[in-house]
Amino acid sequence: MDDIQKILPITTIKKNLLDIIKEMADEDSTVTVTKNGLPVGIMMTPDRYEGLLETIEILSDQKVLESLVASGRDFGSGRVVSHEDVWTD
């Protein structure tokens, strides 16, 4: 997932809301809404929002984080199993 991909003034969004929403859905993009040049909101697709909530949930679970760190160490030290080895009988 990329960071915020567009920054648009609220007047542009008001004039082109349907087109902007269609483009966001097609590109799975995020838009920062500005008013008087300052950010006042973020628009994102439901998929991006759900992904953000899942990421927050993962980062708030200490056991999951410890598991990820251990997996990273295993990978870094070459302790890995190939896809083929995992799925063979």
Protein backbone atom coordinates (compact mmCIF):
# COMPACT_ATOMS: atom_id res chain seq x y z
CA MET A 1 0.00 0.00 0.00
CA ASP A 2 1.36 3.42 -0.93
CA ASP A 3 1.14 6.53 1.18
CA ILE A 4 -1.35 9.27 0.41
CA GLN A 5 -1.41 9.55 -3.35
CA LYS A 6 -3.32 12.77 -4.01
CA ILE A 7 -3.84 16.07 -2.28
CA LEU A 8 -6.92 17.97 -3.42
CA PRO A 9 -8.65 21.13 -2.20
CA ILE A 10 -12.13 20.66 -0.83
CA THR A 11 -13.58 22.85 -3.61
CA THR A 12 -12.24 20.44 -6.24
CA ILE A 13 -13.63 17.49 -4.33
CA LYS A 14 -17.05 19.13 -4.03
CA LYS A 15 -17.15 19.73 -7.79
CA ASN A 16 -15.84 16.30 -8.81
CA LEU A 17 -16.79 13.97 -5.97
CA LEU A 18 -18.24 11.15 -8.08
CA ASP A 19 -15.27 11.13 -10.46
CA ILE A 20 -12.81 11.21 -7.57
CA ILE A 21 -14.55 8.33 -5.80
CA LYS A 22 -14.58 6.29 -9.02
CA GLU A 23 -10.87 6.95 -9.53
CA MET A 24 -10.13 6.01 -5.91
CA ALA A 25 -12.01 2.74 -6.35
CA ASP A 26 -10.27 1.96 -9.66
CA GLU A 27 -6.79 2.71 -8.30
CA ASP A 28 -7.36 1.82 -4.63
CA SER A 29 -5.94 5.24 -3.83
CA THR A 30 -6.14 7.66 -0.93
CA VAL A 31 -6.84 11.40 -1.11
CA THR A 32 -5.94 14.12 1.37
CA VAL A 33 -8.57 16.85 1.51
CA THR A 34 -7.32 20.37 2.10
CA LYS A 35 -9.04 23.61 3.07
CA ASN A 36 -7.15 26.86 2.70
CA GLY A 37 -4.05 24.79 1.93
CA LEU A 38 -4.16 22.80 5.17
CA PRO A 39 -5.06 19.11 5.44
CA VAL A 40 -8.49 18.60 7.02
CA GLY A 41 -9.34 15.02 6.14
CA ILE A 42 -8.49 11.80 4.37
CA MET A 43 -10.63 9.86 1.92
CA MET A 44 -9.86 6.19 1.34
CA THR A 45 -11.48 3.08 -0.04
CA PRO A 46 -13.10 0.61 2.35
CA ASP A 47 -10.38 -1.94 1.52
CA ARG A 48 -7.65 0.49 2.56
CA TYR A 49 -9.54 1.40 5.72
CA GLU A 50 -10.00 -2.25 6.64
CA GLY A 51 -6.30 -2.88 5.98
CA LEU A 52 -5.39 0.03 8.23
CA LEU A 53 -7.54 -1.35 11.05
CA GLU A 54 -6.00 -4.81 10.62
CA THR A 55 -2.50 -3.31 10.75
CA ILE A 56 -3.35 -1.45 13.95
CA GLU A 57 -4.72 -4.66 15.45
CA ILE A 58 -1.56 -6.59 14.54
CA LEU A 59 0.74 -3.88 15.88
CA SER A 60 -1.15 -3.80 19.17
CA ASP A 61 -0.79 -7.57 19.75
CA GLN A 62 2.50 -8.21 21.55
CA LYS A 63 2.49 -11.96 20.83
CA VAL A 64 2.04 -11.38 17.09
CA LEU A 65 4.87 -8.83 17.08
CA GLU A 66 7.17 -11.24 18.92
CA SER A 67 6.32 -13.92 16.38
CA LEU A 68 7.10 -11.57 13.49
CA VAL A 69 10.45 -10.63 15.02
CA ALA A 70 11.32 -14.31 15.52
CA SER A 71 10.32 -15.06 11.92
CA GLY A 72 12.52 -12.23 10.72
CA ARG A 73 15.47 -13.62 12.65
CA ASP A 74 14.84 -17.10 11.21
CA PHE A 75 14.71 -15.71 7.70
CA GLY A 76 17.84 -13.63 8.24
CA SER A 77 19.77 -16.64 9.49
CA GLY A 78 18.62 -18.82 6.59
CA ARG A 79 16.32 -21.01 8.68
CA VAL A 80 13.61 -21.28 6.06
CA VAL A 81 11.61 -24.02 4.40
CA SER A 82 10.77 -23.92 0.71
CA HIS A 83 7.21 -23.74 -0.51
CA GLU A 84 7.61 -27.14 -2.14
CA ASP A 85 8.82 -28.76 1.10
CA VAL A 86 5.88 -27.35 3.04
CA TRP A 87 3.27 -28.68 0.64
CA THR A 88 4.68 -32.12 -0.15
CA ASP A 89 3.21 -35.14 1.58
